[in-house]
C-alpha cells in the first residue's frame, strides 16, 4: 500500500531550537567514540575541532545581528554541502594529523 506524500509545511524554527538540535546531533556522533573505544585524547580533539569548526564557519543570515552559523544539516546540503565538507577536510589536513587519522 502506498502512502501519499504530504507536503512539508515550511515553518520557521526558532534559532534556539536549531542550536539545540545541532548540538544533539553532534553529541550523538561524539558519543560513538565511547562505543568505538577511542582514547580520551581522541575524543577531546574531535570534540574541540568539530565544535570549533562549526562555530567558525559563518553563513549569511540577515535575521541574526551577528550573521549566521552553520548547522549539521546545512553541511549535508546536496549542492553546497560538498564545498563545505571540502573546507572541513582542508582544515583537517592543515592540523598536521596523520593521513589515516584525517581519512577516518
PDB file of N, CA and C in Angstrom:
ATOM      1  N   UNK A   1       0.836  -1.168   0.000  1.00  0.00           N
ATOM      2  CA  UNK A   1       0.000   0.000   0.000  1.00  0.00           C
ATOM      3  C   UNK A   1       0.885   1.236   0.000  1.00  0.00           C
ATOM      4  N   UNK A   2       0.646   2.129  -0.915  1.00  0.00           N
ATOM      5  CA  UNK A   2       1.393   3.374  -0.988  1.00  0.00           C
ATOM      6  C   UNK A   2       0.722   4.439  -0.142  1.00  0.00           C
ATOM      7  N   UNK A   3       1.547   5.159   0.574  1.00  0.00           N
ATOM      8  CA  UNK A   3       1.053   6.270   1.371  1.00  0.00           C
ATOM      9  C   UNK A   3       1.379   7.546   0.610  1.00  0.00           C
ATOM     10  N   UNK A   4       0.384   8.378   0.358  1.00  0.00           N
ATOM     11  CA  UNK A   4       0.660   9.595  -0.399  1.00  0.00           C
ATOM     12  C   UNK A   4       1.590  10.534   0.366  1.00  0.00           C
ATOM     13  N   UNK A   5       2.464  11.203  -0.358  1.00  0.00           N
ATOM     14  CA  UNK A   5       3.379  12.166   0.253  1.00  0.00           C
ATOM     15  C   UNK A   5       2.608  13.386   0.711  1.00  0.00           C
ATOM     16  N   UNK A   6       2.927  13.805   1.886  1.00  0.00           N
ATOM     17  CA  UNK A   6       2.328  15.031   2.411  1.00  0.00           C
ATOM     18  C   UNK A   6       3.341  16.150   2.251  1.00  0.00           C
ATOM     19  N   UNK A   7       2.917  17.294   1.763  1.00  0.00           N
ATOM     20  CA  UNK A   7       3.871  18.401   1.638  1.00  0.00           C
ATOM     21  C   UNK A   7       4.351  18.841   3.020  1.00  0.00           C
ATOM     22  N   UNK A   8       5.606  19.183   3.083  1.00  0.00           N
ATOM     23  CA  UNK A   8       6.170  19.675   4.332  1.00  0.00           C
ATOM     24  C   UNK A   8       5.832  21.149   4.443  1.00  0.00           C
ATOM     25  N   UNK A   9       5.265  21.514   5.547  1.00  0.00           N
ATOM     26  CA  UNK A   9       4.915  22.913   5.768  1.00  0.00           C
ATOM     27  C   UNK A   9       6.182  23.632   6.201  1.00  0.00           C
ATOM     28  N   UNK A  10       6.524  24.660   5.490  1.00  0.00           N
ATOM     29  CA  UNK A  10       7.740  25.403   5.770  1.00  0.00           C
ATOM     30  C   UNK A  10       7.494  26.356   6.930  1.00  0.00           C
ATOM     31  N   UNK A  11       7.776  25.869   8.136  1.00  0.00           N
ATOM     32  CA  UNK A  11       7.600  26.694   9.316  1.00  0.00           C
ATOM     33  C   UNK A  11       8.969  27.152   9.793  1.00  0.00           C
ATOM     34  N   UNK A  12       9.025  28.347  10.257  1.00  0.00           N
ATOM     35  CA  UNK A  12      10.272  28.882  10.775  1.00  0.00           C
ATOM     36  C   UNK A  12      10.562  28.249  12.131  1.00  0.00           C
ATOM     37  N   UNK A  13      11.738  27.673  12.248  1.00  0.00           N
ATOM     38  CA  UNK A  13      12.158  27.056  13.504  1.00  0.00           C
ATOM     39  C   UNK A  13      12.959  28.098  14.277  1.00  0.00           C
ATOM     40  N   UNK A  14      12.637  28.301  15.549  1.00  0.00           N
ATOM     41  CA  UNK A  14      13.381  29.285  16.332  1.00  0.00           C
ATOM     42  C   UNK A  14      14.875  28.940  16.381  1.00  0.00           C
ATOM     43  N   UNK A  15      15.711  29.966  16.378  1.00  0.00           N
ATOM     44  CA  UNK A  15      17.161  29.779  16.378  1.00  0.00           C
ATOM     45  C   UNK A  15      17.611  28.905  17.549  1.00  0.00           C
ATOM     46  N   UNK A  16      17.057  29.123  18.728  1.00  0.00           N
ATOM     47  CA  UNK A  16      17.449  28.356  19.911  1.00  0.00           C
ATOM     48  C   UNK A  16      17.188  26.858  19.710  1.00  0.00           C
ATOM     49  N   UNK A  17      16.077  26.544  19.043  1.00  0.00           N
ATOM     50  CA  UNK A  17      15.748  25.145  18.771  1.00  0.00           C
ATOM     51  C   UNK A  17      16.727  24.547  17.761  1.00  0.00           C
ATOM     52  N   UNK A  18      17.120  25.340  16.768  1.00  0.00           N
ATOM     53  CA  UNK A  18      18.113  24.872  15.800  1.00  0.00           C
ATOM     54  C   UNK A  18      19.431  24.554  16.504  1.00  0.00           C
ATOM     55  N   UNK A  19      19.846  25.433  17.414  1.00  0.00           N
ATOM     56  CA  UNK A  19      21.091  25.216  18.156  1.00  0.00           C
ATOM     57  C   UNK A  19      20.998  23.933  18.980  1.00  0.00           C
ATOM     58  N   UNK A  20      19.870  23.718  19.641  1.00  0.00           N
ATOM     59  CA  UNK A  20      19.683  22.501  20.441  1.00  0.00           C
ATOM     60  C   UNK A  20      19.736  21.251  19.567  1.00  0.00           C
ATOM     61  N   UNK A  21      19.075  21.296  18.421  1.00  0.00           N
ATOM     62  CA  UNK A  21      19.085  20.150  17.510  1.00  0.00           C
ATOM     63  C   UNK A  21      20.497  19.885  16.993  1.00  0.00           C
ATOM     64  N   UNK A  22      21.186  20.942  16.609  1.00  0.00           N
ATOM     65  CA  UNK A  22      22.565  20.821  16.110  1.00  0.00           C
ATOM     66  C   UNK A  22      23.455  20.178  17.180  1.00  0.00           C
ATOM     67  N   UNK A  23      23.371  20.686  18.405  1.00  0.00           N
ATOM     68  CA  UNK A  23      24.189  20.142  19.495  1.00  0.00           C
ATOM     69  C   UNK A  23      23.831  18.694  19.808  1.00  0.00           C
ATOM     70  N   UNK A  24      22.564  18.341  19.717  1.00  0.00           N
ATOM     71  CA  UNK A  24      22.138  16.960  19.962  1.00  0.00           C
ATOM     72  C   UNK A  24      22.739  16.015  18.918  1.00  0.00           C
ATOM     73  N   UNK A  25      22.777  16.456  17.662  1.00  0.00           N
ATOM     74  CA  UNK A  25      23.367  15.625  16.604  1.00  0.00           C
ATOM     75  C   UNK A  25      24.860  15.462  16.836  1.00  0.00           C
ATOM     76  N   UNK A  26      25.548  16.554  17.158  1.00  0.00           N
ATOM     77  CA  UNK A  26      26.988  16.457  17.432  1.00  0.00           C
ATOM     78  C   UNK A  26      27.261  15.570  18.645  1.00  0.00           C
ATOM     79  N   UNK A  27      26.465  15.742  19.692  1.00  0.00           N
ATOM     80  CA  UNK A  27      26.638  14.915  20.897  1.00  0.00           C
ATOM     81  C   UNK A  27      26.459  13.435  20.573  1.00  0.00           C
ATOM     82  N   UNK A  28      25.458  13.115  19.772  1.00  0.00           N
ATOM     83  CA  UNK A  28      25.222  11.711  19.405  1.00  0.00           C
ATOM     84  C   UNK A  28      26.410  11.150  18.637  1.00  0.00           C
ATOM     85  N   UNK A  29      26.962  11.932  17.710  1.00  0.00           N
ATOM     86  CA  UNK A  29      28.143  11.475  16.984  1.00  0.00           C
ATOM     87  C   UNK A  29      29.331  11.311  17.922  1.00  0.00           C
ATOM     88  N   UNK A  30      29.573  12.297  18.766  1.00  0.00           N
ATOM     89  CA  UNK A  30      30.730  12.240  19.655  1.00  0.00           C
ATOM     90  C   UNK A  30      30.621  11.094  20.652  1.00  0.00           C
ATOM     91  N   UNK A  31      29.410  10.719  21.027  1.00  0.00           N
ATOM     92  CA  UNK A  31      29.230   9.579  21.927  1.00  0.00           C
ATOM     93  C   UNK A  31      29.629   8.256  21.282  1.00  0.00           C
ATOM     94  N   UNK A  32      29.700   8.210  19.955  1.00  0.00           N
ATOM     95  CA  UNK A  32      30.126   6.978  19.301  1.00  0.00           C
ATOM     96  C   UNK A  32      31.594   6.680  19.580  1.00  0.00           C
ATOM     97  N   UNK A  33      32.367   7.686  19.992  1.00  0.00           N
ATOM     98  CA  UNK A  33      33.766   7.449  20.357  1.00  0.00           C
ATOM     99  C   UNK A  33      33.866   6.482  21.536  1.00  0.00           C
ATOM    100  N   UNK A  34      32.931   6.595  22.446  1.00  0.00           N
ATOM    101  CA  UNK A  34      32.920   5.698  23.604  1.00  0.00           C
ATOM    102  C   UNK A  34      32.671   4.262  23.135  1.00  0.00           C
ATOM    103  N   UNK A  35      31.696   4.095  22.250  1.00  0.00           N
ATOM    104  CA  UNK A  35      31.384   2.759  21.728  1.00  0.00           C
ATOM    105  C   UNK A  35      32.547   2.166  20.934  1.00  0.00           C
ATOM    106  N   UNK A  36      33.291   3.045  20.252  1.00  0.00           N
ATOM    107  CA  UNK A  36      34.413   2.578  19.441  1.00  0.00           C
ATOM    108  C   UNK A  36      35.707   2.507  20.239  1.00  0.00           C
ATOM    109  N   UNK A  37      35.609   2.788  21.546  1.00  0.00           N
ATOM    110  CA  UNK A  37      36.725   2.676  22.475  1.00  0.00           C
ATOM    111  C   UNK A  37      37.905   3.565  22.076  1.00  0.00           C
ATOM    112  N   UNK A  38      37.611   4.773  21.629  1.00  0.00           N
ATOM    113  CA  UNK A  38      38.673   5.720  21.302  1.00  0.00           C
ATOM    114  C   UNK A  38      39.232   6.328  22.579  1.00  0.00           C
ATOM    115  N   UNK A  39      40.470   6.745  22.509  1.00  0.00           N
ATOM    116  CA  UNK A  39      41.134   7.314  23.684  1.00  0.00           C
ATOM    117  C   UNK A  39      40.489   8.644  24.071  1.00  0.00           C
ATOM    118  N   UNK A  40      40.601   9.018  25.348  1.00  0.00           N
ATOM    119  CA  UNK A  40      40.088  10.323  25.773  1.00  0.00           C
ATOM    120  C   UNK A  40      40.731  11.468  24.978  1.00  0.00           C
ATOM    121  N   UNK A  41      41.981  11.320  24.606  1.00  0.00           N
ATOM    122  CA  UNK A  41      42.667  12.345  23.811  1.00  0.00           C
ATOM    123  C   UNK A  41      41.984  12.517  22.447  1.00  0.00           C
ATOM    124  N   UNK A  42      41.677  11.396  21.798  1.00  0.00           N
ATOM    125  CA  UNK A  42      40.991  11.447  20.507  1.00  0.00           C
ATOM    126  C   UNK A  42      39.607  12.064  20.663  1.00  0.00           C
ATOM    127  N   UNK A  43      38.901  11.656  21.706  1.00  0.00           N
ATOM    128  CA  UNK A  43      37.570  12.189  21.955  1.00  0.00           C
ATOM    129  C   UNK A  43      37.626  13.700  22.154  1.00  0.00           C
ATOM    130  N   UNK A  44      38.569  14.152  22.953  1.00  0.00           N
ATOM    131  CA  UNK A  44      38.693  15.587  23.232  1.00  0.00           C
ATOM    132  C   UNK A  44      39.070  16.354  21.965  1.00  0.00           C
ATOM    133  N   UNK A  45      40.015  15.827  21.195  1.00  0.00           N
ATOM    134  CA  UNK A  45      40.425  16.509  19.966  1.00  0.00           C
ATOM    135  C   UNK A  45      39.250  16.624  19.005  1.00  0.00           C
ATOM    136  N   UNK A  46      38.557  15.515  18.779  1.00  0.00           N
ATOM    137  CA  UNK A  46      37.438  15.532  17.838  1.00  0.00           C
ATOM    138  C   UNK A  46      36.354  16.513  18.269  1.00  0.00           C
ATOM    139  N   UNK A  47      36.043  16.508  19.552  1.00  0.00           N
ATOM    140  CA  UNK A  47      35.006  17.409  20.035  1.00  0.00           C
ATOM    141  C   UNK A  47      35.440  18.865  19.855  1.00  0.00           C
ATOM    142  N   UNK A  48      36.662  19.175  20.259  1.00  0.00           N
ATOM    143  CA  UNK A  48      37.157  20.552  20.134  1.00  0.00           C
ATOM    144  C   UNK A  48      37.191  20.992  18.683  1.00  0.00           C
ATOM    145  N   UNK A  49      37.732  20.128  17.824  1.00  0.00           N
ATOM    146  CA  UNK A  49      37.863  20.500  16.417  1.00  0.00           C
ATOM    147  C   UNK A  49      36.491  20.655  15.762  1.00  0.00           C
ATOM    148  N   UNK A  50      35.623  19.681  15.976  1.00  0.00           N
ATOM    149  CA  UNK A  50      34.320  19.688  15.312  1.00  0.00           C
ATOM    150  C   UNK A  50      33.461  20.868  15.760  1.00  0.00           C
ATOM    151  N   UNK A  51      33.379  21.080  17.056  1.00  0.00           N
ATOM    152  CA  UNK A  51      32.569  22.204  17.555  1.00  0.00           C
ATOM    153  C   UNK A  51      33.171  23.544  17.107  1.00  0.00           C
ATOM    154  N   UNK A  52      34.493  23.641  17.164  1.00  0.00           N
ATOM    155  CA  UNK A  52      35.145  24.873  16.731  1.00  0.00           C
ATOM    156  C   UNK A  52      34.962  25.137  15.250  1.00  0.00           C
ATOM    157  N   UNK A  53      35.010  24.068  14.455  1.00  0.00           N
ATOM    158  CA  UNK A  53      34.846  24.231  13.013  1.00  0.00           C
ATOM    159  C   UNK A  53      33.445  24.732  12.683  1.00  0.00           C
ATOM    160  N   UNK A  54      32.447  24.124  13.284  1.00  0.00           N
ATOM    161  CA  UNK A  54      31.074  24.571  13.019  1.00  0.00           C
ATOM    162  C   UNK A  54      30.864  26.005  13.508  1.00  0.00           C
ATOM    163  N   UNK A  55      31.400  26.334  14.679  1.00  0.00           N
ATOM    164  CA  UNK A  55      31.224  27.687  15.217  1.00  0.00           C
ATOM    165  C   UNK A  55      31.946  28.720  14.351  1.00  0.00           C
ATOM    166  N   UNK A  56      33.047  28.328  13.750  1.00  0.00           N
ATOM    167  CA  UNK A  56      33.832  29.263  12.960  1.00  0.00           C
ATOM    168  C   UNK A  56      33.387  29.406  11.521  1.00  0.00           C
ATOM    169  N   UNK A  57      32.535  28.507  11.046  1.00  0.00           N
ATOM    170  CA  UNK A  57      32.075  28.558   9.662  1.00  0.00           C
ATOM    171  C   UNK A  57      30.827  29.425   9.619  1.00  0.00           C
ATOM    172  N   UNK A  58      30.976  30.647   9.184  1.00  0.00           N
ATOM    173  CA  UNK A  58      29.864  31.601   9.194  1.00  0.00           C
ATOM    174  C   UNK A  58      29.094  31.553   7.882  1.00  0.00           C
ATOM    175  N   UNK A  59      27.797  31.693   7.997  1.00  0.00           N
ATOM    176  CA  UNK A  59      26.922  31.772   6.828  1.00  0.00           C
ATOM    177  C   UNK A  59      26.111  33.056   6.937  1.00  0.00           C
ATOM    178  N   UNK A  60      25.590  33.508   5.837  1.00  0.00           N
ATOM    179  CA  UNK A  60      24.818  34.745   5.834  1.00  0.00           C
ATOM    180  C   UNK A  60      23.412  34.487   6.357  1.00  0.00           C
ATOM    181  N   UNK A  61      23.046  35.228   7.373  1.00  0.00           N
ATOM    182  CA  UNK A  61      21.690  35.186   7.913  1.00  0.00           C
ATOM    183  C   UNK A  61      21.335  36.591   8.362  1.00  0.00           C
ATOM    184  N   UNK A  62      20.565  37.276   7.560  1.00  0.00           N
ATOM    185  CA  UNK A  62      20.231  38.675   7.824  1.00  0.00           C
ATOM    186  C   UNK A  62      19.314  38.849   9.034  1.00  0.00           C
ATOM    187  N   UNK A  63      18.739  37.769   9.525  1.00  0.00           N
ATOM    188  CA  UNK A  63      17.817  37.870  10.656  1.00  0.00           C
ATOM    189  C   UNK A  63      18.541  37.812  11.999  1.00  0.00           C
ATOM    190  N   UNK A  64      19.853  37.506  11.970  1.00  0.00           N
ATOM    191  CA  UNK A  64      20.629  37.466  13.208  1.00  0.00           C
ATOM    192  C   UNK A  64      21.598  38.638  13.217  1.00  0.00           C
ATOM    193  N   UNK A  65      21.745  39.304  14.369  1.00  0.00           N
ATOM    194  CA  UNK A  65      22.577  40.508  14.416  1.00  0.00           C
ATOM    195  C   UNK A  65      24.046  40.266  14.040  1.00  0.00           C
ATOM    196  N   UNK A  66      24.587  39.128  14.397  1.00  0.00           N
ATOM    197  CA  UNK A  66      26.000  38.863  14.097  1.00  0.00           C
ATOM    198  C   UNK A  66      26.169  37.883  12.933  1.00  0.00           C
ATOM    199  N   UNK A  67      25.166  37.782  12.087  1.00  0.00           N
ATOM    200  CA  UNK A  67      25.244  36.836  10.964  1.00  0.00           C
ATOM    201  C   UNK A  67      24.755  35.479  11.398  1.00  0.00           C
ATOM    202  N   UNK A  68      25.157  34.465  10.690  1.00  0.00           N
ATOM    203  CA  UNK A  68      24.662  33.127  10.984  1.00  0.00           C
ATOM    204  C   UNK A  68      25.778  32.151  11.250  1.00  0.00           C
ATOM    205  N   UNK A  69      25.390  30.969  11.559  1.00  0.00           N
ATOM    206  CA  UNK A  69      26.332  29.886  11.787  1.00  0.00           C
ATOM    207  C   UNK A  69      25.864  28.666  11.026  1.00  0.00           C
ATOM    208  N   UNK A  70      26.765  27.756  10.794  1.00  0.00           N
ATOM    209  CA  UNK A  70      26.475  26.551  10.031  1.00  0.00           C
ATOM    210  C   UNK A  70      25.938  25.474  10.959  1.00  0.00           C
ATOM    211  N   UNK A  71      24.877  24.813  10.523  1.00  0.00           N
ATOM    212  CA  UNK A  71      24.323  23.686  11.264  1.00  0.00           C
ATOM    213  C   UNK A  71      24.620  22.402  10.511  1.00  0.00           C
ATOM    214  N   UNK A  72      24.571  21.284  11.209  1.00  0.00           N
ATOM    215  CA  UNK A  72      24.912  19.980  10.633  1.00  0.00           C
ATOM    216  C   UNK A  72      24.137  19.718   9.351  1.00  0.00           C
ATOM    217  N   UNK A  73      22.841  19.932   9.376  1.00  0.00           N
ATOM    218  CA  UNK A  73      22.016  19.621   8.204  1.00  0.00           C
ATOM    219  C   UNK A  73      22.343  20.523   7.023  1.00  0.00           C
ATOM    220  N   UNK A  74      22.873  21.708   7.272  1.00  0.00           N
ATOM    221  CA  UNK A  74      23.275  22.579   6.174  1.00  0.00           C
ATOM    222  C   UNK A  74      24.554  22.073   5.522  1.00  0.00           C
ATOM    223  N   UNK A  75      25.428  21.490   6.324  1.00  0.00           N
ATOM    224  CA  UNK A  75      26.674  20.927   5.782  1.00  0.00           C
ATOM    225  C   UNK A  75      26.384  19.731   4.887  1.00  0.00           C
ATOM    226  N   UNK A  76      25.206  19.139   5.038  1.00  0.00           N
ATOM    227  CA  UNK A  76      24.825  17.979   4.233  1.00  0.00           C
ATOM    228  C   UNK A  76      23.968  18.375   3.035  1.00  0.00           C
ATOM    229  N   UNK A  77      23.820  19.661   2.791  1.00  0.00           N
ATOM    230  CA  UNK A  77      23.017  20.159   1.673  1.00  0.00           C
ATOM    231  C   UNK A  77      23.567  19.597   0.358  1.00  0.00           C
ATOM    232  N   UNK A  78      22.713  19.074  -0.518  1.00  0.00           N
ATOM    233  CA  UNK A  78      23.192  18.418  -1.739  1.00  0.00           C
ATOM    234  C   UNK A  78      24.036  19.303  -2.648  1.00  0.00           C
ATOM    235  N   UNK A  79      23.763  20.595  -2.687  1.00  0.00           N
ATOM    236  CA  UNK A  79      24.506  21.460  -3.601  1.00  0.00           C
ATOM    237  C   UNK A  79      25.740  22.061  -2.959  1.00  0.00           C
ATOM    238  N   UNK A  80      25.558  22.760  -1.862  1.00  0.00           N
ATOM    239  CA  UNK A  80      26.700  23.434  -1.265  1.00  0.00           C
ATOM    240  C   UNK A  80      27.421  22.586  -0.229  1.00  0.00           C
ATOM    241  N   UNK A  81      26.842  21.482   0.160  1.00  0.00           N
ATOM    242  CA  UNK A  81      27.453  20.626   1.165  1.00  0.00           C
ATOM    243  C   UNK A  81      28.823  20.109   0.773  1.00  0.00           C
ATOM    244  N   UNK A  82      29.015  19.780  -0.497  1.00  0.00           N
ATOM    245  CA  UNK A  82      30.312  19.261  -0.946  1.00  0.00           C
ATOM    246  C   UNK A  82      31.414  20.291  -0.737  1.00  0.00           C
ATOM    247  N   UNK A  83      31.131  21.550  -0.995  1.00  0.00           N
ATOM    248  CA  UNK A  83      32.130  22.602  -0.785  1.00  0.00           C
ATOM    249  C   UNK A  83      32.427  22.785   0.702  1.00  0.00           C
ATOM    250  N   UNK A  84      31.397  22.659   1.524  1.00  0.00           N
ATOM    251  CA  UNK A  84      31.585  22.798   2.965  1.00  0.00           C
ATOM    252  C   UNK A  84      32.442  21.655   3.501  1.00  0.00           C
ATOM    253  N   UNK A  85      32.154  20.430   3.070  1.00  0.00           N
ATOM    254  CA  UNK A  85      32.936  19.282   3.522  1.00  0.00           C
ATOM    255  C   UNK A  85      34.366  19.380   3.009  1.00  0.00           C
ATOM    256  N   UNK A  86      34.557  19.916   1.819  1.00  0.00           N
ATOM    257  CA  UNK A  86      35.911  20.130   1.289  1.00  0.00           C
ATOM    258  C   UNK A  86      36.673  21.089   2.214  1.00  0.00           C
ATOM    259  N   UNK A  87      36.008  22.133   2.664  1.00  0.00           N
ATOM    260  CA  UNK A  87      36.616  23.079   3.590  1.00  0.00           C
ATOM    261  C   UNK A  87      36.979  22.393   4.904  1.00  0.00           C
ATOM    262  N   UNK A  88      36.101  21.520   5.368  1.00  0.00           N
ATOM    263  CA  UNK A  88      36.357  20.761   6.598  1.00  0.00           C
ATOM    264  C   UNK A  88      37.594  19.878   6.426  1.00  0.00           C
ATOM    265  N   UNK A  89      37.674  19.186   5.304  1.00  0.00           N
ATOM    266  CA  UNK A  89      38.808  18.296   5.038  1.00  0.00           C
ATOM    267  C   UNK A  89      40.109  19.078   4.937  1.00  0.00           C
ATOM    268  N   UNK A  90      40.054  20.230   4.307  1.00  0.00           N
ATOM    269  CA  UNK A  90      41.240  21.075   4.206  1.00  0.00           C
ATOM    270  C   UNK A  90      41.707  21.494   5.589  1.00  0.00           C
ATOM    271  N   UNK A  91      40.760  21.843   6.437  1.00  0.00           N
ATOM    272  CA  UNK A  91      41.101  22.208   7.809  1.00  0.00           C
ATOM    273  C   UNK A  91      41.761  21.070   8.560  1.00  0.00           C
ATOM    274  N   UNK A  92      41.273  19.851   8.353  1.00  0.00           N
ATOM    275  CA  UNK A  92      41.901  18.691   8.990  1.00  0.00           C
ATOM    276  C   UNK A  92      43.329  18.518   8.503  1.00  0.00           C
ATOM    277  N   UNK A  93      43.535  18.654   7.197  1.00  0.00           N
ATOM    278  CA  UNK A  93      44.869  18.478   6.633  1.00  0.00           C
ATOM    279  C   UNK A  93      45.836  19.515   7.185  1.00  0.00           C
ATOM    280  N   UNK A  94      45.347  20.715   7.443  1.00  0.00           N
ATOM    281  CA  UNK A  94      46.196  21.788   7.957  1.00  0.00           C
ATOM    282  C   UNK A  94      46.573  21.604   9.420  1.00  0.00           C
ATOM    283  N   UNK A  95      45.956  20.657  10.117  1.00  0.00           N
ATOM    284  CA  UNK A  95      46.288  20.414  11.525  1.00  0.00           C
ATOM    285  C   UNK A  95      47.491  19.496  11.679  1.00  0.00           C
ATOM    286  N   UNK A  96      48.068  19.049  10.564  1.00  0.00           N
ATOM    287  CA  UNK A  96      49.234  18.149  10.558  1.00  0.00           C
ATOM    288  C   UNK A  96      48.933  16.790  11.185  1.00  0.00           C
ATOM    289  N   UNK A  97      47.681  16.347  11.059  1.00  0.00           N
ATOM    290  CA  UNK A  97      47.350  14.998  11.504  1.00  0.00           C
ATOM    291  C   UNK A  97      47.883  13.994  10.495  1.00  0.00           C
ATOM    292  N   UNK A  98      48.047  12.771  10.937  1.00  0.00           N
ATOM    293  CA  UNK A  98      48.440  11.712  10.017  1.00  0.00           C
ATOM    294  C   UNK A  98      47.323  11.484   9.019  1.00  0.00           C
ATOM    295  N   UNK A  99      47.693  11.078   7.808  1.00  0.00           N
ATOM    296  CA  UNK A  99      46.735  10.867   6.743  1.00  0.00           C
ATOM    297  C   UNK A  99      45.623   9.909   7.136  1.00  0.00           C
ATOM    298  N   UNK A 100      45.983   8.835   7.830  1.00  0.00           N
ATOM    299  CA  UNK A 100      44.984   7.835   8.256  1.00  0.00           C
ATOM    300  C   UNK A 100      43.957   8.449   9.203  1.00  0.00           C
ATOM    301  N   UNK A 101      44.428   9.322  10.096  1.00  0.00           N
ATOM    302  CA  UNK A 101      43.525   9.973  11.041  1.00  0.00           C
ATOM    303  C   UNK A 101      42.569  10.894  10.306  1.00  0.00           C
ATOM    304  N   UNK A 102      43.070  11.657   9.326  1.00  0.00           N
ATOM    305  CA  UNK A 102      42.203  12.536   8.532  1.00  0.00           C
ATOM    306  C   UNK A 102      41.176  11.735   7.772  1.00  0.00           C
ATOM    307  N   UNK A 103      41.595  10.615   7.193  1.00  0.00           N
ATOM    308  CA  UNK A 103      40.668   9.786   6.429  1.00  0.00           C
ATOM    309  C   UNK A 103      39.578   9.222   7.319  1.00  0.00           C
ATOM    310  N   UNK A 104      39.947   8.838   8.534  1.00  0.00           N
ATOM    311  CA  UNK A 104      38.955   8.302   9.470  1.00  0.00           C
ATOM    312  C   UNK A 104      37.955   9.365   9.838  1.00  0.00           C
TER     313      UNK A 104
END
